[in-house]
Amino acid sequence: MARPAFIFLILIAASTSKEVLSADRPNVLLISIDDLNDWTGCLGGHPQAKTPNIDRLADRGTLFSNAHCQSPVCNPSRASMQTGRYPHTSGIYFLSPDLKQSPKLQNLDTLPERFAKHDYQTLAAGKIFHRQDQRFFQDYGGSMGGFGPRPETKISQPHGHPLWDWGAFPEQDEMMPDYKIAHWAVEKLNALPEDLKKPFFMGVGFYRPHVPMFAPKKWFDLFPKDQIKLPVVQAKDRDDLSDYAIALTNEKHVSPEHSWVVSAGQWEHAVQSYLASVAFADYCLGIVLDALDKSPHRDNTIIVLFSDHGFHLGEKQRWAKRTIWEDGTRVPLIVVDKRYAAGQITTKPAELLDVFPTLLELSGLPKDELQEGNSLVPLLKNPKANWDHPAISSFGKGNFAVRSEHFRYIQYLDGSEEFYDHREDPHEWKNLINKRAFTKIIKQHKAHIPLEQEDILPGNSTGHNAYKAASRFLEN
């Protein structure tokens, strides 16, 4: 009789041990802010930016100050990050098609699906993927209105895409989708028991500052229009670029041209609107962080904050995204994990592609050897660690940027090139591609351009159209 009892006790101990390990696994809070560039306090992209909550998050974790998206467009950037595959692997370079229409991605787990397979409860609201988030989370709270609400008639920008507008609207914070998304997160966090049977993976996807750049008037009042500081722009900035590069990045499909913004007297107002939208999104972030801080799960929750790509507000005579210059690819990326030092900043290049393998390692889940990103944990341990992984971004087949710690190399489909030294030229005004002093370094960067590039999957998006329009320069 003693032997069965002994075995029974072992089984109980094993079961108890398993429950403890399950309870000790870290939770994950993944926060996205749509179309946010480096206009935050901690990144210093604009001197008037007011982002106290992003900044306090950076103070609690590690700020990757040299982080970049893999494509400067919502869909391919998010598809890449959520599957661990580059756009040149999936063929999704532009706004369409959907990630599940790529033969290379159809059978892959997305980030929340992988965590669900390892017994996490997954839930989200807002924009984490480009569309149809409900497919990837066990509990999806909805878009809460997405890019709305919108006035009956446009406020500032009368022509072009219906989303392209800016100004003070609506009257109250409570009418904004991001406010509703933040309070959805608060309700979910408050409802979680202290003794979780399953750890949670929660996605919170804010829509601002994506156009329309609307926010209630009180957020505009933080940035008086007559005191707005415009981005630093050089009139002859693009004189050393190829016709192909200029054609590829001309914005004649969705956003207004820079010449119209200036001639219409809207530059200061548009910058004010972006700053106001960023400040509002930051406020909504604060609502979520306050709720987490008051919960029993604060110290056992990994927080990752990111944006899907950069955004131009006149730099290089451009508006919006869809460029592989610094302003188009640089994004905020912050990782908070109590096991690593707070207030760290690393200038080593990081990719959004790295988030998936990083979260796997931090959560103690099996490594996926087929993923194309790299875990950032070595940089959480030592922000100055040796790191030979550049950030690679693309905008269509044949158009690539390689960003190292100090340099950016660009190669276009027509063979033209750009090279910038960020130690001396943070605005990327001086194309040094023909300078002999950089021949060796340029060659090193060029070696990272992928030899195998998947064909562009069909679509009729703005990116597809821009890519086709630029192709006429290849015929000459």
Protein backbone atom coordinates (compact mmCIF):
# COMPACT_ATOMS: atom_id res chain seq x y z
CA MET A 1 0.00 0.00 0.00
CA ALA A 2 2.89 2.36 0.67
CA ARG A 3 4.09 2.33 -2.89
CA PRO A 4 0.82 3.53 -4.51
CA ALA A 5 0.52 6.25 -1.86
CA PHE A 6 4.08 7.36 -2.60
CA ILE A 7 3.33 7.51 -6.33
CA PHE A 8 0.14 9.46 -5.59
CA LEU A 9 2.12 12.05 -3.61
CA ILE A 10 4.62 12.39 -6.45
CA LEU A 11 1.78 13.03 -8.91
CA ILE A 12 0.31 15.68 -6.64
CA ALA A 13 3.70 17.37 -6.28
CA ALA A 14 4.23 17.31 -10.03
CA SER A 15 0.78 18.75 -10.64
CA THR A 16 1.33 21.49 -8.06
CA SER A 17 4.74 22.28 -9.52
CA LYS A 18 3.22 22.61 -12.99
CA GLU A 19 0.59 25.05 -11.68
CA VAL A 20 3.25 27.15 -10.00
CA LEU A 21 5.31 27.31 -13.16
CA SER A 22 2.20 28.29 -15.12
CA ALA A 23 1.35 31.02 -12.64
CA ASP A 24 4.91 32.34 -12.67
CA ARG A 25 5.07 32.78 -16.42
CA PRO A 26 5.11 36.47 -17.35
CA ASN A 27 2.12 38.20 -18.87
CA VAL A 28 2.56 40.24 -22.04
CA LEU A 29 1.10 43.68 -22.78
CA LEU A 30 1.70 44.62 -26.42
CA ILE A 31 0.86 48.26 -27.21
CA SER A 32 0.77 49.73 -30.69
CA ILE A 33 0.54 53.43 -31.59
CA ASP A 34 -0.32 53.80 -35.27
CA ASP A 35 1.87 55.99 -37.53
CA LEU A 36 3.96 57.34 -34.65
CA ASN A 37 7.39 58.56 -35.72
CA ASP A 38 10.15 59.76 -33.38
CA TRP A 39 8.17 62.78 -32.16
CA THR A 40 8.33 61.70 -28.54
CA GLY A 41 10.16 63.18 -25.59
CA CYS A 42 12.47 60.21 -25.16
CA LEU A 43 13.46 60.11 -28.87
CA GLY A 44 13.65 63.88 -29.33
CA GLY A 45 12.21 63.95 -32.83
CA HIS A 46 10.37 67.23 -32.24
CA PRO A 47 11.20 69.75 -29.49
CA GLN A 48 7.54 70.41 -28.67
CA ALA A 49 6.35 66.80 -28.40
CA LYS A 50 4.53 66.02 -25.15
CA THR A 51 4.60 62.29 -24.37
CA PRO A 52 4.98 61.87 -20.60
CA ASN A 53 3.60 58.33 -20.59
CA ILE A 54 5.79 57.03 -23.41
CA ASP A 55 8.70 58.66 -21.62
CA ARG A 56 7.89 57.10 -18.26
CA LEU A 57 7.63 53.73 -19.96
CA ALA A 58 11.11 54.28 -21.43
CA ASP A 59 12.34 55.14 -17.94
CA ARG A 60 11.07 51.77 -16.71
CA GLY A 61 12.67 49.65 -19.42
CA THR A 62 14.93 49.70 -22.45
CA LEU A 63 14.49 52.24 -25.24
CA PHE A 64 15.66 51.04 -28.63
CA SER A 65 16.50 54.45 -30.06
CA ASN A 66 17.59 53.03 -33.42
CA ALA A 67 14.59 50.77 -34.15
CA HIS A 68 13.11 50.40 -37.63
CA CYS A 69 10.14 48.82 -39.35
CA GLN A 70 10.60 46.30 -42.16
CA SER A 71 8.25 48.20 -44.46
CA PRO A 72 6.99 51.78 -44.15
CA VAL A 73 3.35 50.74 -44.62
CA CYS A 74 0.83 49.41 -42.07
CA ASN A 75 0.00 46.01 -43.55
CA PRO A 76 3.46 44.69 -44.52
CA SER A 77 5.04 46.08 -41.36
CA ARG A 78 2.51 44.43 -39.06
CA ALA A 79 2.41 41.22 -41.10
CA SER A 80 6.20 41.00 -40.84
CA MET A 81 6.31 41.68 -37.12
CA GLN A 82 3.47 39.30 -36.31
CA THR A 83 4.88 36.38 -38.32
CA GLY A 84 8.64 36.87 -38.00
CA ARG A 85 9.16 37.07 -41.77
CA TYR A 86 10.51 39.87 -43.94
CA PRO A 87 8.34 41.37 -46.70
CA HIS A 88 10.85 40.06 -49.25
CA THR A 89 10.13 36.57 -47.89
CA SER A 90 6.33 36.85 -47.85
CA GLY A 91 5.78 38.97 -50.96
CA ILE A 92 3.64 41.39 -48.91
CA TYR A 93 5.36 44.70 -49.56
CA PHE A 94 2.34 47.00 -49.66
CA LEU A 95 -1.08 47.67 -48.12
CA SER A 96 -2.60 44.65 -49.83
CA PRO A 97 -3.06 41.71 -49.86
CA ASP A 98 -3.96 40.35 -46.45
CA LEU A 99 -1.20 38.37 -44.71
CA LYS A 100 -3.11 35.07 -45.00
CA GLN A 101 -3.13 35.49 -48.79
CA SER A 102 0.62 35.00 -48.86
CA PRO A 103 1.48 31.33 -49.52
CA LYS A 104 4.57 31.82 -47.35
CA LEU A 105 2.53 32.97 -44.32
CA GLN A 106 -0.65 30.90 -44.53
CA ASN A 107 0.55 28.08 -42.29
CA LEU A 108 2.56 30.15 -39.82
CA ASP A 109 1.53 31.05 -36.30
CA THR A 110 1.15 34.72 -35.66
CA LEU A 111 2.53 36.12 -32.40
CA PRO A 112 -0.70 35.82 -30.36
CA GLU A 113 -1.51 32.44 -31.89
CA ARG A 114 1.87 31.10 -30.80
CA PHE A 115 1.24 32.27 -27.24
CA ALA A 116 -2.26 30.77 -27.29
CA LYS A 117 -0.73 27.40 -28.23
CA HIS A 118 1.37 27.67 -25.08
CA ASP A 119 -1.67 28.11 -22.87
CA TYR A 120 -1.85 31.91 -22.75
CA GLN A 121 -5.20 33.65 -22.79
CA THR A 122 -5.03 36.13 -25.67
CA LEU A 123 -7.16 39.26 -25.93
CA ALA A 124 -6.99 42.57 -27.75
CA ALA A 125 -8.83 45.66 -28.87
CA GLY A 126 -7.99 48.22 -31.54
CA LYS A 127 -5.34 47.82 -34.21
CA ILE A 128 -2.62 45.24 -33.68
CA PHE A 129 -2.83 43.65 -37.12
CA HIS A 130 -3.75 45.66 -40.20
CA ARG A 131 -7.23 44.17 -40.36
CA GLN A 132 -9.47 41.45 -38.94
CA ASP A 133 -7.73 41.16 -35.59
CA GLN A 134 -10.53 38.92 -34.38
CA ARG A 135 -8.99 36.05 -36.36
CA PHE A 136 -5.87 36.04 -34.22
CA PHE A 137 -7.08 36.63 -30.66
CA GLN A 138 -9.34 34.46 -28.51
CA ASP A 139 -11.10 37.58 -27.23
CA TYR A 140 -11.25 40.65 -29.46
CA GLY A 141 -12.99 43.75 -28.13
CA GLY A 142 -13.36 45.47 -31.50
CA SER A 143 -12.01 48.56 -33.22
CA MET A 144 -14.24 50.90 -31.18
CA GLY A 145 -14.76 53.05 -34.27
CA GLY A 146 -11.26 52.82 -35.74
CA PHE A 147 -10.28 56.03 -37.52
CA GLY A 148 -13.51 57.80 -36.59
CA PRO A 149 -15.36 59.86 -35.75
CA ARG A 150 -15.28 62.27 -38.67
CA PRO A 151 -17.14 65.52 -39.34
CA GLU A 152 -19.70 65.80 -42.15
CA THR A 153 -17.29 67.90 -44.21
CA LYS A 154 -13.51 68.07 -44.15
CA ILE A 155 -11.86 70.62 -41.88
CA SER A 156 -8.51 71.43 -43.46
CA GLN A 157 -7.69 69.30 -46.49
CA PRO A 158 -10.59 69.42 -48.99
CA HIS A 159 -9.23 67.04 -51.64
CA GLY A 160 -7.75 63.55 -51.79
CA HIS A 161 -8.39 60.50 -49.65
CA PRO A 162 -11.30 60.84 -47.17
CA LEU A 163 -9.01 60.05 -44.22
CA TRP A 164 -6.56 62.80 -45.08
CA ASP A 165 -7.66 65.69 -42.91
CA TRP A 166 -6.66 67.40 -39.66
CA GLY A 167 -8.06 69.73 -37.01
CA ALA A 168 -9.78 69.95 -33.62
CA PHE A 169 -12.57 67.34 -33.59
CA PRO A 170 -14.65 65.96 -31.82
CA GLU A 171 -15.55 67.81 -28.62
CA GLN A 172 -14.83 65.18 -25.98
CA ASP A 173 -12.18 62.53 -25.34
CA GLU A 174 -14.91 60.00 -24.66
CA MET A 175 -15.96 60.15 -28.32
CA MET A 176 -12.56 58.96 -29.54
CA PRO A 177 -11.95 55.27 -30.31
CA ASP A 178 -8.58 55.28 -28.53
CA TYR A 179 -10.21 56.45 -25.31
CA LYS A 180 -12.67 53.55 -25.57
CA ILE A 181 -9.85 51.10 -26.33
CA ALA A 182 -7.91 52.29 -23.28
CA HIS A 183 -10.92 51.81 -21.02
CA TRP A 184 -11.58 48.37 -22.51
CA ALA A 185 -8.05 47.48 -21.39
CA VAL A 186 -8.73 48.91 -17.93
CA GLU A 187 -11.87 46.79 -17.57
CA LYS A 188 -10.03 43.65 -18.66
CA LEU A 189 -7.10 44.29 -16.31
CA ASN A 190 -9.43 44.99 -13.39
CA ALA A 191 -11.35 41.78 -14.06
CA LEU A 192 -8.27 39.56 -13.92
CA PRO A 193 -7.91 37.59 -10.68
CA GLU A 194 -4.75 37.85 -8.66
CA ASP A 195 -4.04 34.14 -9.02
CA LEU A 196 -4.18 33.69 -12.78
CA LYS A 197 -4.61 30.13 -14.01
CA LYS A 198 -3.29 31.23 -17.38
CA PRO A 199 -1.00 34.19 -18.09
CA PHE A 200 -2.41 36.78 -20.45
CA PHE A 201 -1.23 38.19 -23.76
CA MET A 202 -3.05 41.49 -24.24
CA GLY A 203 -2.87 43.68 -27.33
CA VAL A 204 -3.86 47.34 -27.14
CA GLY A 205 -3.79 49.04 -30.52
CA PHE A 206 -4.28 52.82 -30.65
CA TYR A 207 -5.27 54.48 -33.95
CA ARG A 208 -3.89 57.98 -33.47
CA PRO A 209 -1.86 59.79 -34.72
CA HIS A 210 -2.84 58.07 -38.00
CA VAL A 211 -4.92 60.35 -40.22
CA PRO A 212 -7.36 61.92 -39.83
CA MET A 213 -5.28 63.86 -37.33
CA PHE A 214 -8.24 64.69 -35.12
CA ALA A 215 -8.32 65.20 -31.37
CA PRO A 216 -10.45 67.34 -29.04
CA LYS A 217 -9.52 71.03 -28.87
CA LYS A 218 -7.89 70.82 -25.45
CA TRP A 219 -5.07 68.78 -27.00
CA PHE A 220 -4.55 71.42 -29.66
CA ASP A 221 -4.39 74.08 -26.95
CA LEU A 222 -1.18 72.46 -25.72
CA PHE A 223 0.47 73.53 -28.99
CA PRO A 224 -0.53 77.10 -29.96
CA LYS A 225 -0.38 77.33 -33.74
CA ASP A 226 1.54 80.62 -33.75
CA GLN A 227 4.30 78.93 -31.72
CA ILE A 228 4.63 75.74 -33.77
CA LYS A 229 8.14 74.78 -34.81
CA LEU A 230 8.24 73.23 -38.27
CA PRO A 231 10.49 70.30 -39.17
CA VAL A 232 13.92 71.28 -40.40
CA VAL A 233 13.88 71.02 -44.18
CA GLN A 234 16.51 71.72 -46.82
CA ALA A 235 15.13 72.98 -50.13
CA LYS A 236 17.71 71.13 -52.27
CA ASP A 237 17.60 67.96 -50.20
CA ARG A 238 16.61 65.72 -53.12
CA ASP A 239 18.96 67.16 -55.73
CA ASP A 240 21.44 64.29 -55.26
CA LEU A 241 18.83 61.54 -55.74
CA SER A 242 17.96 59.57 -58.86
CA ASP A 243 14.79 60.21 -60.84
CA TYR A 244 13.62 56.75 -59.84
CA ALA A 245 14.05 57.46 -56.12
CA ILE A 246 12.12 60.71 -56.39
CA ALA A 247 9.36 59.11 -58.46
CA LEU A 248 9.01 56.20 -56.04
CA THR A 249 8.58 58.52 -53.08
CA ASN A 250 6.43 61.20 -54.69
CA GLU A 251 3.06 61.27 -52.97
CA LYS A 252 0.38 61.80 -55.60
CA HIS A 253 -1.95 59.00 -54.63
CA VAL A 254 -3.22 59.58 -51.09
CA SER A 255 -1.61 62.32 -49.00
CA PRO A 256 -1.28 65.93 -50.16
CA GLU A 257 1.88 67.12 -51.85
CA HIS A 258 4.18 69.26 -49.73
CA SER A 259 3.86 72.15 -52.16
CA TRP A 260 0.08 72.25 -51.55
CA VAL A 261 0.45 72.08 -47.75
CA VAL A 262 2.82 75.06 -47.84
CA SER A 263 0.87 77.13 -50.40
CA ALA A 264 -2.41 76.53 -48.55
CA GLY A 265 -0.86 77.81 -45.32
CA GLN A 266 -1.56 74.49 -43.62
CA TRP A 267 1.93 73.34 -42.61
CA GLU A 268 1.80 74.76 -39.07
CA HIS A 269 -1.76 73.51 -38.60
CA ALA A 270 -0.90 70.01 -39.79
CA VAL A 271 2.14 69.81 -37.50
CA GLN A 272 -0.01 71.09 -34.63
CA SER A 273 -2.58 68.41 -35.41
CA TYR A 274 0.01 65.64 -35.41
CA LEU A 275 1.47 66.83 -32.09
CA ALA A 276 -2.03 67.03 -30.60
CA SER A 277 -2.89 63.54 -31.87
CA VAL A 278 0.34 62.14 -30.43
CA ALA A 279 -0.36 63.81 -27.07
CA PHE A 280 -3.86 62.33 -27.02
CA ALA A 281 -2.59 58.83 -27.86
CA ASP A 282 -0.02 59.22 -25.09
CA TYR A 283 -2.79 60.15 -22.66
CA CYS A 284 -4.69 56.99 -23.59
CA LEU A 285 -1.51 54.98 -23.04
CA GLY A 286 -1.30 56.49 -19.56
CA ILE A 287 -4.79 55.25 -18.74
CA VAL A 288 -3.69 51.69 -19.49
CA LEU A 289 -0.37 51.97 -17.64
CA ASP A 290 -2.10 53.37 -14.56
CA ALA A 291 -4.48 50.42 -14.52
CA LEU A 292 -1.63 47.93 -14.85
CA ASP A 293 0.31 49.67 -12.09
CA LYS A 294 -2.68 49.30 -9.75
CA SER A 295 -3.13 45.64 -10.60
CA PRO A 296 -1.39 42.70 -8.90
CA HIS A 297 0.22 41.85 -12.24
CA ARG A 298 2.42 44.92 -12.62
CA ASP A 299 5.68 43.19 -11.71
CA ASN A 300 5.02 40.07 -13.76
CA THR A 301 3.98 41.73 -17.02
CA ILE A 302 6.32 42.37 -19.93
CA ILE A 303 5.40 45.55 -21.79
CA VAL A 304 6.32 46.19 -25.41
CA LEU A 305 5.40 49.48 -27.05
CA PHE A 306 5.92 50.00 -30.77
CA SER A 307 4.77 51.89 -33.82
CA ASP A 308 4.37 50.28 -37.22
CA HIS A 309 6.44 52.82 -39.21
CA GLY A 310 7.60 56.41 -39.33
CA PHE A 311 5.89 59.46 -40.81
CA HIS A 312 6.98 62.52 -42.79
CA LEU A 313 5.58 65.97 -42.07
CA GLY A 314 7.42 67.88 -44.78
CA GLU A 315 10.88 66.36 -44.43
CA LYS A 316 12.34 65.69 -47.88
CA GLN A 317 9.26 67.47 -49.30
CA ARG A 318 7.16 64.47 -48.28
CA TRP A 319 4.09 63.70 -46.21
CA ALA A 320 3.01 60.40 -44.70
CA LYS A 321 4.90 57.12 -45.04
CA ARG A 322 6.09 54.90 -47.92
CA THR A 323 9.78 55.87 -47.91
CA ILE A 324 12.88 53.99 -46.78
CA TRP A 325 14.59 57.10 -45.46
CA GLU A 326 15.05 57.56 -41.71
CA ASP A 327 11.78 59.45 -41.29
CA GLY A 328 9.90 56.63 -42.99
CA THR A 329 11.33 53.65 -41.10
CA ARG A 330 12.36 54.81 -37.62
CA VAL A 331 9.91 53.84 -34.90
CA PRO A 332 9.59 53.97 -31.12
CA LEU A 333 10.32 50.59 -29.53
CA ILE A 334 10.38 50.09 -25.77
CA VAL A 335 10.66 46.81 -23.86
CA VAL A 336 9.94 46.70 -20.13
CA ASP A 337 10.81 43.60 -18.11
CA LYS A 338 11.45 43.84 -14.37
CA ARG A 339 14.28 41.32 -14.65
CA TYR A 340 16.39 43.85 -16.56
CA ALA A 341 17.65 47.29 -15.65
CA ALA A 342 15.39 50.32 -16.01
CA GLY A 343 16.22 53.50 -17.90
CA GLN A 344 18.44 51.84 -20.49
CA ILE A 345 18.97 53.21 -23.99
CA THR A 346 20.63 51.32 -26.80
CA THR A 347 21.68 52.76 -30.14
CA LYS A 348 22.18 49.33 -31.70
CA PRO A 349 19.88 48.74 -34.70
CA ALA A 350 16.68 46.86 -33.90
CA GLU A 351 13.85 45.63 -36.09
CA LEU A 352 10.16 45.18 -35.38
CA LEU A 353 10.84 41.69 -36.70
CA ASP A 354 12.82 41.11 -33.49
CA VAL A 355 9.81 41.49 -31.20
CA PHE A 356 8.48 37.96 -31.82
CA PRO A 357 11.70 36.08 -30.90
CA THR A 358 12.32 38.50 -28.02
CA LEU A 359 8.95 37.77 -26.44
CA LEU A 360 9.44 34.04 -26.91
CA GLU A 361 12.70 34.17 -25.00
CA LEU A 362 11.44 36.49 -22.27
CA SER A 363 8.41 34.26 -21.73
CA GLY A 364 10.44 31.05 -21.63
CA LEU A 365 8.74 29.66 -24.75
CA PRO A 366 10.60 27.51 -27.29
CA LYS A 367 12.80 29.34 -29.76
CA ASP A 368 11.62 29.28 -33.38
CA GLU A 369 14.70 28.65 -35.53
CA LEU A 370 12.83 29.54 -38.73
CA GLN A 371 12.11 33.11 -37.70
CA GLU A 372 14.12 35.80 -39.46
CA GLY A 373 14.44 38.25 -36.58
CA ASN A 374 16.80 38.19 -33.61
CA SER A 375 15.98 38.19 -29.93
CA LEU A 376 16.83 41.54 -28.36
CA VAL A 377 17.49 39.99 -24.95
CA PRO A 378 21.29 40.42 -25.29
CA LEU A 379 20.69 44.17 -25.55
CA LEU A 380 18.38 44.11 -22.54
CA LYS A 381 21.27 42.56 -20.62
CA ASN A 382 23.84 44.95 -22.06
CA PRO A 383 22.72 47.86 -24.27
CA LYS A 384 26.29 48.19 -25.57
CA ALA A 385 26.74 44.51 -26.42
CA ASN A 386 28.38 43.53 -29.69
CA TRP A 387 25.55 43.45 -32.23
CA ASP A 388 26.12 42.74 -35.91
CA HIS A 389 22.45 42.72 -37.00
CA PRO A 390 21.47 45.74 -39.13
CA ALA A 391 17.85 46.78 -39.64
CA ILE A 392 16.59 46.00 -43.15
CA SER A 393 13.59 47.79 -44.62
CA SER A 394 12.03 47.60 -48.06
CA PHE A 395 9.41 49.32 -50.19
CA GLY A 396 8.73 46.92 -53.02
CA LYS A 397 11.02 44.37 -54.59
CA GLY A 398 14.46 45.82 -55.31
CA ASN A 399 14.16 48.84 -53.00
CA PHE A 400 16.02 48.28 -49.73
CA ALA A 401 17.53 50.23 -46.86
CA VAL A 402 20.17 48.84 -44.51
CA ARG A 403 20.52 50.74 -41.22
CA SER A 404 23.48 50.09 -38.94
CA GLU A 405 24.36 51.93 -35.76
CA HIS A 406 25.78 54.95 -37.59
CA PHE A 407 24.90 54.63 -41.27
CA ARG A 408 22.05 54.15 -43.72
CA TYR A 409 22.57 52.53 -47.13
CA ILE A 410 19.80 52.50 -49.74
CA GLN A 411 19.68 50.60 -53.00
CA TYR A 412 16.84 51.09 -55.48
CA LEU A 413 15.50 48.85 -58.20
CA ASP A 414 17.15 51.00 -60.88
CA GLY A 415 20.56 50.47 -59.28
CA SER A 416 20.85 53.97 -57.82
CA GLU A 417 22.15 54.25 -54.27
CA GLU A 418 22.27 56.53 -51.25
CA PHE A 419 24.52 56.50 -48.21
CA TYR A 420 24.24 58.67 -45.11
CA ASP A 421 26.46 59.14 -42.07
CA HIS A 422 24.12 59.74 -39.13
CA ARG A 423 26.94 60.88 -36.90
CA GLU A 424 27.25 64.03 -39.03
CA ASP A 425 23.99 64.09 -40.97
CA PRO A 426 20.93 63.01 -38.93
CA HIS A 427 18.57 64.57 -41.50
CA GLU A 428 20.07 62.57 -44.38
CA TRP A 429 20.78 65.65 -46.46
CA LYS A 430 24.15 64.60 -47.90
CA ASN A 431 24.28 61.52 -50.11
CA LEU A 432 27.82 60.18 -49.68
CA ILE A 433 27.53 57.23 -52.04
CA ASN A 434 30.41 58.44 -54.24
CA LYS A 435 32.80 59.32 -51.41
CA ARG A 436 35.85 57.03 -51.56
CA ALA A 437 36.36 57.25 -47.82
CA PHE A 438 33.21 55.16 -47.34
CA THR A 439 33.80 52.56 -50.06
CA LYS A 440 34.54 49.72 -47.63
CA ILE A 441 31.67 50.56 -45.28
CA ILE A 442 29.25 50.87 -48.18
CA LYS A 443 30.31 47.44 -49.43
CA GLN A 444 29.67 45.97 -45.97
CA HIS A 445 26.16 47.41 -45.89
CA LYS A 446 25.43 46.38 -49.46
CA ALA A 447 26.21 42.77 -48.54
CA HIS A 448 23.02 42.69 -46.46
CA ILE A 449 20.73 43.30 -49.44
CA PRO A 450 18.85 39.97 -49.82
CA LEU A 451 19.75 38.02 -52.94
CA GLU A 452 16.43 36.18 -52.93
CA GLN A 453 13.40 38.44 -53.06
CA GLU A 454 9.86 37.19 -53.38
CA ASP A 455 7.76 38.70 -56.15
CA ILE A 456 5.21 41.34 -55.15
CA LEU A 457 1.82 39.80 -54.50
CA PRO A 458 -0.95 41.38 -56.59
CA GLY A 459 -2.89 44.37 -55.31
CA ASN A 460 -4.10 47.84 -56.15
CA SER A 461 -2.86 49.79 -53.16
CA THR A 462 -1.08 53.13 -53.06
CA GLY A 463 2.25 51.32 -52.79
CA HIS A 464 1.51 49.16 -55.82
CA ASN A 465 0.62 52.28 -57.81
CA ALA A 466 3.72 54.19 -56.71
CA TYR A 467 5.91 51.23 -57.57
CA LYS A 468 4.37 50.96 -61.04
CA ALA A 469 4.64 54.70 -61.65
CA ALA A 470 8.35 54.70 -60.83
CA SER A 471 8.99 51.76 -63.17
CA ARG A 472 8.85 54.01 -66.23
CA PHE A 473 12.31 55.28 -65.29
CA LEU A 474 13.62 51.74 -65.75
CA GLU A 475 12.71 51.89 -69.43
CA ASN A 476 15.14 54.69 -70.22
